[in-house]
Amino acid sequence: MSALLPRERLIVSIARLLEGVRHVAVGASSPIPAAGAMLLRALAERDGKPRVRISILGSREHNFFTNGSAELFDCAGQGRIDAFFLGGGQIDGEANINLVGTGDYPQTPVRWPGSFGSSYLYFVVPRVILFREEHTPRVFVEKVDFVSAPGTSPEEVYRPGGPHALLTSLGVFSFDRAARRFRLESVHPGHTLPEIKAATGFAFDHAPDVPETADPDAATLALLRGRVLTELGETYPEFARQIGADITAADLAACQPA
């Protein structure tokens, strides 16, 4: 079996960050979070753990909602969704996210799709995982230009939800809501702490020796490359096909003589 691909590592990391949840909701156009949720479900079934429910907007096979995002918001407000994923064009050190654009609002020279329901879900879903593959100073800034959804709130504000972790192509961070700071928990193999510091526009906490993100065992990887990719193909056929092609290419490269 070929070595773990970078995107497979992200999928495995998401499954770990979701451990213990009962219901995961995934927005549209989010194949990596969806795959991570599917891996969690497959592992739970294999190990005889409580059933994990997945709701992927835009999926016919893996979506319990019949009224799209309106039903998602109702379900989240009732406390029936344990985890969700958010990203942003900008994310700062206090876990504020910007989905509107750069520069002074409303004359933003760069515009993004908009906040939609991000701030609402950020407030009511207990375990929000911030996910962004690109890890550069233009994404991870000292202060976002526009707050689409705040990472924290004053103590007197009722807020059961909020940021739990941040996952990027370079590493895994936890978030301390009381301190309003991220902490780097692991660095993906092939990357370094100095590299992450240089790519991040805000300060973060970390241990003196930050561990590497652990590889999954062979059985978990086989489950990801088998059942999970098959299930993922229903909603994200092109993404599943590309991952499959990358695995095949890696297998062929591994068989070549040195």
C-alpha atoms as a PDB file:
ATOM      1  CA  MET A   1       0.000   0.000   0.000  1.00  0.00           C
ATOM      2  CA  SER A   2       1.407   3.396  -1.001  1.00  0.00           C
ATOM      3  CA  ALA A   3       2.180   6.153   1.476  1.00  0.00           C
ATOM      4  CA  LEU A   4      -0.513   8.449   2.801  1.00  0.00           C
ATOM      5  CA  LEU A   5      -1.433  11.304   0.453  1.00  0.00           C
ATOM      6  CA  PRO A   6      -1.603  14.876   1.862  1.00  0.00           C
ATOM      7  CA  ARG A   7      -5.368  15.076   1.357  1.00  0.00           C
ATOM      8  CA  GLU A   8      -5.835  11.667   2.924  1.00  0.00           C
ATOM      9  CA  ARG A   9      -4.023  13.011   5.983  1.00  0.00           C
ATOM     10  CA  LEU A  10      -6.529  15.862   6.163  1.00  0.00           C
ATOM     11  CA  ILE A  11      -9.422  13.397   5.951  1.00  0.00           C
ATOM     12  CA  VAL A  12      -7.982  11.261   8.740  1.00  0.00           C
ATOM     13  CA  SER A  13      -7.315  14.360  10.859  1.00  0.00           C
ATOM     14  CA  ILE A  14     -10.933  15.454  10.472  1.00  0.00           C
ATOM     15  CA  ALA A  15     -12.187  12.043  11.586  1.00  0.00           C
ATOM     16  CA  ARG A  16     -10.039  12.361  14.716  1.00  0.00           C
ATOM     17  CA  LEU A  17     -11.314  15.874  15.455  1.00  0.00           C
ATOM     18  CA  LEU A  18     -14.886  14.586  15.167  1.00  0.00           C
ATOM     19  CA  GLU A  19     -14.426  11.689  17.576  1.00  0.00           C
ATOM     20  CA  GLY A  20     -17.376  11.354  19.935  1.00  0.00           C
ATOM     21  CA  VAL A  21     -19.953  13.364  17.972  1.00  0.00           C
ATOM     22  CA  ARG A  22     -23.409  11.995  17.125  1.00  0.00           C
ATOM     23  CA  HIS A  23     -24.452  14.208  14.195  1.00  0.00           C
ATOM     24  CA  VAL A  24     -22.131  15.930  11.736  1.00  0.00           C
ATOM     25  CA  ALA A  25     -23.407  18.439   9.188  1.00  0.00           C
ATOM     26  CA  VAL A  26     -21.340  19.354   6.129  1.00  0.00           C
ATOM     27  CA  GLY A  27     -22.002  22.271   3.796  1.00  0.00           C
ATOM     28  CA  ALA A  28     -22.003  22.084   0.018  1.00  0.00           C
ATOM     29  CA  SER A  29     -18.701  21.844  -1.888  1.00  0.00           C
ATOM     30  CA  SER A  30     -16.797  20.373   1.073  1.00  0.00           C
ATOM     31  CA  PRO A  31     -15.443  16.991  -0.075  1.00  0.00           C
ATOM     32  CA  ILE A  32     -12.623  16.697   2.460  1.00  0.00           C
ATOM     33  CA  PRO A  33     -14.822  17.402   5.528  1.00  0.00           C
ATOM     34  CA  ALA A  34     -17.455  15.063   4.072  1.00  0.00           C
ATOM     35  CA  ALA A  35     -14.881  12.310   3.651  1.00  0.00           C
ATOM     36  CA  GLY A  36     -13.672  12.826   7.213  1.00  0.00           C
ATOM     37  CA  ALA A  37     -17.227  12.476   8.522  1.00  0.00           C
ATOM     38  CA  MET A  38     -17.742   9.337   6.436  1.00  0.00           C
ATOM     39  CA  LEU A  39     -14.527   7.858   7.795  1.00  0.00           C
ATOM     40  CA  LEU A  40     -15.691   8.558  11.339  1.00  0.00           C
ATOM     41  CA  ARG A  41     -18.987   6.805  10.610  1.00  0.00           C
ATOM     42  CA  ALA A  42     -17.267   3.810   9.045  1.00  0.00           C
ATOM     43  CA  LEU A  43     -14.866   3.482  11.995  1.00  0.00           C
ATOM     44  CA  ALA A  44     -17.734   3.721  14.489  1.00  0.00           C
ATOM     45  CA  GLU A  45     -19.650   0.956  12.709  1.00  0.00           C
ATOM     46  CA  ARG A  46     -16.552  -1.222  12.478  1.00  0.00           C
ATOM     47  CA  ASP A  47     -15.752  -0.816  16.166  1.00  0.00           C
ATOM     48  CA  GLY A  48     -19.311  -1.189  17.448  1.00  0.00           C
ATOM     49  CA  LYS A  49     -19.569   2.397  18.682  1.00  0.00           C
ATOM     50  CA  PRO A  50     -22.766   4.517  18.667  1.00  0.00           C
ATOM     51  CA  ARG A  51     -24.091   5.358  15.213  1.00  0.00           C
ATOM     52  CA  VAL A  52     -22.871   8.581  13.621  1.00  0.00           C
ATOM     53  CA  ARG A  53     -25.363  10.569  11.598  1.00  0.00           C
ATOM     54  CA  ILE A  54     -24.112  12.625   8.641  1.00  0.00           C
ATOM     55  CA  SER A  55     -25.994  15.360   6.796  1.00  0.00           C
ATOM     56  CA  ILE A  56     -24.257  16.618   3.650  1.00  0.00           C
ATOM     57  CA  LEU A  57     -26.054  19.441   1.877  1.00  0.00           C
ATOM     58  CA  GLY A  58     -26.453  18.633  -1.792  1.00  0.00           C
ATOM     59  CA  SER A  59     -26.209  14.879  -1.311  1.00  0.00           C
ATOM     60  CA  ARG A  60     -29.130  12.558  -2.027  1.00  0.00           C
ATOM     61  CA  GLU A  61     -27.638   9.557  -0.262  1.00  0.00           C
ATOM     62  CA  HIS A  62     -26.128  11.256   2.781  1.00  0.00           C
ATOM     63  CA  ASN A  63     -28.610  13.994   3.636  1.00  0.00           C
ATOM     64  CA  PHE A  64     -31.488  13.728   6.100  1.00  0.00           C
ATOM     65  CA  PHE A  65     -32.777  17.231   5.331  1.00  0.00           C
ATOM     66  CA  THR A  66     -35.633  17.776   2.903  1.00  0.00           C
ATOM     67  CA  ASN A  67     -35.652  21.587   3.033  1.00  0.00           C
ATOM     68  CA  GLY A  68     -31.974  22.372   2.561  1.00  0.00           C
ATOM     69  CA  SER A  69     -30.241  24.972   4.704  1.00  0.00           C
ATOM     70  CA  ALA A  70     -33.457  26.135   6.421  1.00  0.00           C
ATOM     71  CA  GLU A  71     -33.820  22.729   8.053  1.00  0.00           C
ATOM     72  CA  LEU A  72     -30.097  22.696   8.854  1.00  0.00           C
ATOM     73  CA  PHE A  73     -30.443  25.974  10.748  1.00  0.00           C
ATOM     74  CA  ASP A  74     -33.508  24.742  12.640  1.00  0.00           C
ATOM     75  CA  CYS A  75     -31.748  21.521  13.606  1.00  0.00           C
ATOM     76  CA  ALA A  76     -28.642  23.402  14.755  1.00  0.00           C
ATOM     77  CA  GLY A  77     -30.707  25.844  16.805  1.00  0.00           C
ATOM     78  CA  GLN A  78     -32.357  22.914  18.589  1.00  0.00           C
ATOM     79  CA  GLY A  79     -28.959  21.560  19.591  1.00  0.00           C
ATOM     80  CA  ARG A  80     -29.227  18.528  17.318  1.00  0.00           C
ATOM     81  CA  ILE A  81     -26.010  19.097  15.358  1.00  0.00           C
ATOM     82  CA  ASP A  82     -22.753  18.426  17.173  1.00  0.00           C
ATOM     83  CA  ALA A  83     -20.209  19.478  14.572  1.00  0.00           C
ATOM     84  CA  PHE A  84     -19.946  21.671  11.485  1.00  0.00           C
ATOM     85  CA  PHE A  85     -17.167  23.106   9.310  1.00  0.00           C
ATOM     86  CA  LEU A  86     -16.391  26.714   8.445  1.00  0.00           C
ATOM     87  CA  GLY A  87     -13.646  28.324   6.418  1.00  0.00           C
ATOM     88  CA  GLY A  88     -12.881  31.849   5.329  1.00  0.00           C
ATOM     89  CA  GLY A  89     -10.969  34.036   2.958  1.00  0.00           C
ATOM     90  CA  GLN A  90      -9.306  35.331   6.108  1.00  0.00           C
ATOM     91  CA  ILE A  91      -9.004  33.809   9.591  1.00  0.00           C
ATOM     92  CA  ASP A  92      -7.292  35.593  12.470  1.00  0.00           C
ATOM     93  CA  GLY A  93      -5.766  34.556  15.779  1.00  0.00           C
ATOM     94  CA  GLU A  94      -9.038  34.998  17.694  1.00  0.00           C
ATOM     95  CA  ALA A  95     -10.809  32.634  15.275  1.00  0.00           C
ATOM     96  CA  ASN A  96     -12.755  35.450  13.597  1.00  0.00           C
ATOM     97  CA  ILE A  97     -13.545  34.569   9.981  1.00  0.00           C
ATOM     98  CA  ASN A  98     -14.055  36.800   6.954  1.00  0.00           C
ATOM     99  CA  LEU A  99     -16.220  35.576   4.080  1.00  0.00           C
ATOM    100  CA  VAL A 100     -17.017  39.004   2.602  1.00  0.00           C
ATOM    101  CA  GLY A 101     -13.822  40.426   1.110  1.00  0.00           C
ATOM    102  CA  THR A 102     -10.600  42.338   1.681  1.00  0.00           C
ATOM    103  CA  GLY A 103     -10.184  46.044   2.329  1.00  0.00           C
ATOM    104  CA  ASP A 104     -12.588  48.553   3.853  1.00  0.00           C
ATOM    105  CA  TYR A 105     -16.223  47.493   3.590  1.00  0.00           C
ATOM    106  CA  PRO A 106     -18.254  48.139   1.455  1.00  0.00           C
ATOM    107  CA  GLN A 107     -15.587  49.208  -1.077  1.00  0.00           C
ATOM    108  CA  THR A 108     -13.845  45.851  -0.925  1.00  0.00           C
ATOM    109  CA  PRO A 109     -11.505  45.347  -3.917  1.00  0.00           C
ATOM    110  CA  VAL A 110     -11.795  41.574  -3.503  1.00  0.00           C
ATOM    111  CA  ARG A 111     -15.249  40.101  -2.882  1.00  0.00           C
ATOM    112  CA  TRP A 112     -16.074  36.597  -1.678  1.00  0.00           C
ATOM    113  CA  PRO A 113     -19.436  34.764  -1.627  1.00  0.00           C
ATOM    114  CA  GLY A 114     -20.628  36.308   1.653  1.00  0.00           C
ATOM    115  CA  SER A 115     -21.343  35.319   5.242  1.00  0.00           C
ATOM    116  CA  PHE A 116     -24.681  33.510   4.683  1.00  0.00           C
ATOM    117  CA  GLY A 117     -25.456  31.567   7.900  1.00  0.00           C
ATOM    118  CA  SER A 118     -21.887  31.273   9.170  1.00  0.00           C
ATOM    119  CA  SER A 119     -22.306  33.514  12.206  1.00  0.00           C
ATOM    120  CA  TYR A 120     -25.486  31.730  13.302  1.00  0.00           C
ATOM    121  CA  LEU A 121     -23.935  28.263  13.033  1.00  0.00           C
ATOM    122  CA  TYR A 122     -20.766  29.510  14.752  1.00  0.00           C
ATOM    123  CA  PHE A 123     -22.903  30.456  17.757  1.00  0.00           C
ATOM    124  CA  VAL A 124     -25.027  27.320  18.085  1.00  0.00           C
ATOM    125  CA  VAL A 125     -22.926  24.321  16.943  1.00  0.00           C
ATOM    126  CA  PRO A 126     -20.703  23.129  19.826  1.00  0.00           C
ATOM    127  CA  ARG A 127     -17.814  21.804  17.748  1.00  0.00           C
ATOM    128  CA  VAL A 128     -17.015  24.016  14.773  1.00  0.00           C
ATOM    129  CA  ILE A 129     -13.896  22.936  12.912  1.00  0.00           C
ATOM    130  CA  LEU A 130     -12.221  25.648  10.864  1.00  0.00           C
ATOM    131  CA  PHE A 131     -10.800  24.127   7.715  1.00  0.00           C
ATOM    132  CA  ARG A 132      -8.643  25.708   5.028  1.00  0.00           C
ATOM    133  CA  GLU A 133      -6.147  23.839   2.865  1.00  0.00           C
ATOM    134  CA  GLU A 134      -4.188  26.949   1.917  1.00  0.00           C
ATOM    135  CA  HIS A 135      -1.939  28.024   4.776  1.00  0.00           C
ATOM    136  CA  THR A 136      -0.433  31.387   3.862  1.00  0.00           C
ATOM    137  CA  PRO A 137      -0.167  34.858   5.468  1.00  0.00           C
ATOM    138  CA  ARG A 138      -2.912  36.162   3.168  1.00  0.00           C
ATOM    139  CA  VAL A 139      -5.387  33.697   4.717  1.00  0.00           C
ATOM    140  CA  PHE A 140      -4.157  33.595   8.319  1.00  0.00           C
ATOM    141  CA  VAL A 141      -3.956  37.268   9.182  1.00  0.00           C
ATOM    142  CA  GLU A 142      -3.398  39.234  12.389  1.00  0.00           C
ATOM    143  CA  LYS A 143      -6.841  40.822  12.109  1.00  0.00           C
ATOM    144  CA  VAL A 144      -9.579  40.066   9.560  1.00  0.00           C
ATOM    145  CA  ASP A 145     -10.746  42.982   7.410  1.00  0.00           C
ATOM    146  CA  PHE A 146     -14.399  42.109   8.031  1.00  0.00           C
ATOM    147  CA  VAL A 147     -15.879  39.912  10.761  1.00  0.00           C
ATOM    148  CA  SER A 148     -18.374  37.574   9.127  1.00  0.00           C
ATOM    149  CA  ALA A 149     -18.503  35.446  12.268  1.00  0.00           C
ATOM    150  CA  PRO A 150     -16.726  36.184  15.570  1.00  0.00           C
ATOM    151  CA  GLY A 151     -14.644  33.467  17.154  1.00  0.00           C
ATOM    152  CA  THR A 152     -15.538  34.464  20.711  1.00  0.00           C
ATOM    153  CA  SER A 153     -18.186  36.494  22.545  1.00  0.00           C
ATOM    154  CA  PRO A 154     -18.443  38.399  25.847  1.00  0.00           C
ATOM    155  CA  GLU A 155     -19.227  36.261  28.892  1.00  0.00           C
ATOM    156  CA  GLU A 156     -22.776  37.585  29.173  1.00  0.00           C
ATOM    157  CA  VAL A 157     -23.633  36.399  25.658  1.00  0.00           C
ATOM    158  CA  TYR A 158     -25.292  32.996  25.521  1.00  0.00           C
ATOM    159  CA  ARG A 159     -23.217  30.971  23.088  1.00  0.00           C
ATOM    160  CA  PRO A 160     -23.144  27.178  23.230  1.00  0.00           C
ATOM    161  CA  GLY A 161     -21.207  26.974  19.973  1.00  0.00           C
ATOM    162  CA  GLY A 162     -17.831  28.087  18.699  1.00  0.00           C
ATOM    163  CA  PRO A 163     -14.444  27.107  17.311  1.00  0.00           C
ATOM    164  CA  HIS A 164     -12.984  23.777  18.381  1.00  0.00           C
ATOM    165  CA  ALA A 165      -9.995  23.338  16.079  1.00  0.00           C
ATOM    166  CA  LEU A 166      -8.272  24.552  12.927  1.00  0.00           C
ATOM    167  CA  LEU A 167      -6.968  22.183  10.272  1.00  0.00           C
ATOM    168  CA  THR A 168      -4.744  23.254   7.370  1.00  0.00           C
ATOM    169  CA  SER A 169      -2.332  21.677   4.917  1.00  0.00           C
ATOM    170  CA  LEU A 170       0.479  22.298   7.419  1.00  0.00           C
ATOM    171  CA  GLY A 171      -0.885  21.240  10.791  1.00  0.00           C
ATOM    172  CA  VAL A 172      -3.611  20.838  13.403  1.00  0.00           C
ATOM    173  CA  PHE A 173      -4.487  23.557  15.928  1.00  0.00           C
ATOM    174  CA  SER A 174      -6.804  23.525  18.928  1.00  0.00           C
ATOM    175  CA  PHE A 175      -8.552  26.697  20.112  1.00  0.00           C
ATOM    176  CA  ASP A 176      -8.748  27.939  23.696  1.00  0.00           C
ATOM    177  CA  ARG A 177     -11.941  30.006  23.919  1.00  0.00           C
ATOM    178  CA  ALA A 178     -11.040  31.462  27.319  1.00  0.00           C
ATOM    179  CA  ALA A 179      -7.583  32.616  26.178  1.00  0.00           C
ATOM    180  CA  ARG A 180      -8.833  33.446  22.658  1.00  0.00           C
ATOM    181  CA  ARG A 181      -5.777  31.801  21.120  1.00  0.00           C
ATOM    182  CA  PHE A 182      -4.866  28.890  18.912  1.00  0.00           C
ATOM    183  CA  ARG A 183      -2.407  26.215  19.978  1.00  0.00           C
ATOM    184  CA  LEU A 184      -0.509  24.139  17.422  1.00  0.00           C
ATOM    185  CA  GLU A 185      -1.031  20.488  18.358  1.00  0.00           C
ATOM    186  CA  SER A 186       0.792  18.726  15.522  1.00  0.00           C
ATOM    187  CA  VAL A 187       2.761  19.430  12.361  1.00  0.00           C
ATOM    188  CA  HIS A 188       2.107  17.368   9.248  1.00  0.00           C
ATOM    189  CA  PRO A 189       5.099  15.293   8.101  1.00  0.00           C
ATOM    190  CA  GLY A 190       7.313  17.177   5.667  1.00  0.00           C
ATOM    191  CA  HIS A 191       6.657  20.528   7.339  1.00  0.00           C
ATOM    192  CA  THR A 192       8.214  22.371  10.279  1.00  0.00           C
ATOM    193  CA  LEU A 193       7.283  24.736  13.080  1.00  0.00           C
ATOM    194  CA  PRO A 194       9.343  27.614  11.577  1.00  0.00           C
ATOM    195  CA  GLU A 195       7.543  27.090   8.263  1.00  0.00           C
ATOM    196  CA  ILE A 196       4.156  27.328   9.988  1.00  0.00           C
ATOM    197  CA  LYS A 197       5.182  30.449  11.909  1.00  0.00           C
ATOM    198  CA  ALA A 198       6.316  32.106   8.679  1.00  0.00           C
ATOM    199  CA  ALA A 199       3.007  31.230   6.977  1.00  0.00           C
ATOM    200  CA  THR A 200       0.814  32.485   9.841  1.00  0.00           C
ATOM    201  CA  GLY A 201       0.055  36.169  10.413  1.00  0.00           C
ATOM    202  CA  PHE A 202      -0.866  35.730  14.072  1.00  0.00           C
ATOM    203  CA  ALA A 203       0.904  34.380  17.145  1.00  0.00           C
ATOM    204  CA  PHE A 204      -0.104  30.986  18.524  1.00  0.00           C
ATOM    205  CA  ASP A 205       0.883  28.731  21.388  1.00  0.00           C
ATOM    206  CA  HIS A 206       2.797  25.473  21.025  1.00  0.00           C
ATOM    207  CA  ALA A 207       4.837  22.952  22.988  1.00  0.00           C
ATOM    208  CA  PRO A 208       8.663  23.154  22.881  1.00  0.00           C
ATOM    209  CA  ASP A 209       8.657  20.077  20.645  1.00  0.00           C
ATOM    210  CA  VAL A 210       5.522  19.905  18.520  1.00  0.00           C
ATOM    211  CA  PRO A 211       4.794  16.303  17.469  1.00  0.00           C
ATOM    212  CA  GLU A 212       4.132  15.184  13.914  1.00  0.00           C
ATOM    213  CA  THR A 213       0.569  14.398  12.903  1.00  0.00           C
ATOM    214  CA  ALA A 214       0.317  10.625  13.279  1.00  0.00           C
ATOM    215  CA  ASP A 215      -0.343   8.331  10.329  1.00  0.00           C
ATOM    216  CA  PRO A 216      -3.446   6.118  10.453  1.00  0.00           C
ATOM    217  CA  ASP A 217      -3.022   2.382  10.830  1.00  0.00           C
ATOM    218  CA  ALA A 218      -3.259   0.157   7.754  1.00  0.00           C
ATOM    219  CA  ALA A 219      -6.843  -0.891   8.499  1.00  0.00           C
ATOM    220  CA  THR A 220      -8.047   2.715   8.718  1.00  0.00           C
ATOM    221  CA  LEU A 221      -6.275   3.641   5.500  1.00  0.00           C
ATOM    222  CA  ALA A 222      -7.816   0.643   3.749  1.00  0.00           C
ATOM    223  CA  LEU A 223     -11.251   1.727   4.972  1.00  0.00           C
ATOM    224  CA  LEU A 224     -10.657   5.243   3.637  1.00  0.00           C
ATOM    225  CA  ARG A 225      -9.481   4.003   0.244  1.00  0.00           C
ATOM    226  CA  GLY A 226     -12.311   1.483  -0.020  1.00  0.00           C
ATOM    227  CA  ARG A 227     -15.698   2.171   1.537  1.00  0.00           C
ATOM    228  CA  VAL A 228     -15.222   5.914   2.120  1.00  0.00           C
ATOM    229  CA  LEU A 229     -14.099   6.747  -1.426  1.00  0.00           C
ATOM    230  CA  THR A 230     -16.996   4.693  -2.796  1.00  0.00           C
ATOM    231  CA  GLU A 231     -19.511   6.572  -0.633  1.00  0.00           C
ATOM    232  CA  LEU A 232     -17.890   9.904  -1.449  1.00  0.00           C
ATOM    233  CA  GLY A 233     -18.286   9.286  -5.172  1.00  0.00           C
ATOM    234  CA  GLU A 234     -22.079   9.746  -4.923  1.00  0.00           C
ATOM    235  CA  THR A 235     -21.804  13.400  -3.915  1.00  0.00           C
ATOM    236  CA  TYR A 236     -18.294  14.316  -5.118  1.00  0.00           C
ATOM    237  CA  PRO A 237     -17.526  12.045  -8.087  1.00  0.00           C
ATOM    238  CA  GLU A 238     -14.701  14.146  -9.525  1.00  0.00           C
ATOM    239  CA  PHE A 239     -12.946  14.530  -6.177  1.00  0.00           C
ATOM    240  CA  ALA A 240     -13.229  10.800  -5.461  1.00  0.00           C
ATOM    241  CA  ARG A 241     -11.933  10.010  -8.958  1.00  0.00           C
ATOM    242  CA  GLN A 242      -8.948  12.331  -8.500  1.00  0.00           C
ATOM    243  CA  ILE A 243      -8.027  10.833  -5.130  1.00  0.00           C
ATOM    244  CA  GLY A 244      -8.273   7.355  -6.655  1.00  0.00           C
ATOM    245  CA  ALA A 245      -6.028   8.399  -9.540  1.00  0.00           C
ATOM    246  CA  ASP A 246      -3.476   9.898  -7.133  1.00  0.00           C
ATOM    247  CA  ILE A 247      -3.425   6.667  -5.117  1.00  0.00           C
ATOM    248  CA  THR A 248      -2.870   4.617  -8.285  1.00  0.00           C
ATOM    249  CA  ALA A 249      -0.060   6.906  -9.381  1.00  0.00           C
ATOM    250  CA  ALA A 250       1.578   6.644  -5.948  1.00  0.00           C
ATOM    251  CA  ASP A 251       1.273   2.839  -6.025  1.00  0.00           C
ATOM    252  CA  LEU A 252       2.932   2.691  -9.448  1.00  0.00           C
ATOM    253  CA  ALA A 253       5.724   5.016  -8.320  1.00  0.00           C
ATOM    254  CA  ALA A 254       6.328   2.842  -5.255  1.00  0.00           C
ATOM    255  CA  CYS A 255       6.774  -0.206  -7.516  1.00  0.00           C
ATOM    256  CA  GLN A 256       9.446   1.449  -9.656  1.00  0.00           C
ATOM    257  CA  PRO A 257      13.021   0.320  -9.021  1.00  0.00           C
ATOM    258  CA  ALA A 258      15.199   2.786  -7.147  1.00  0.00           C
END
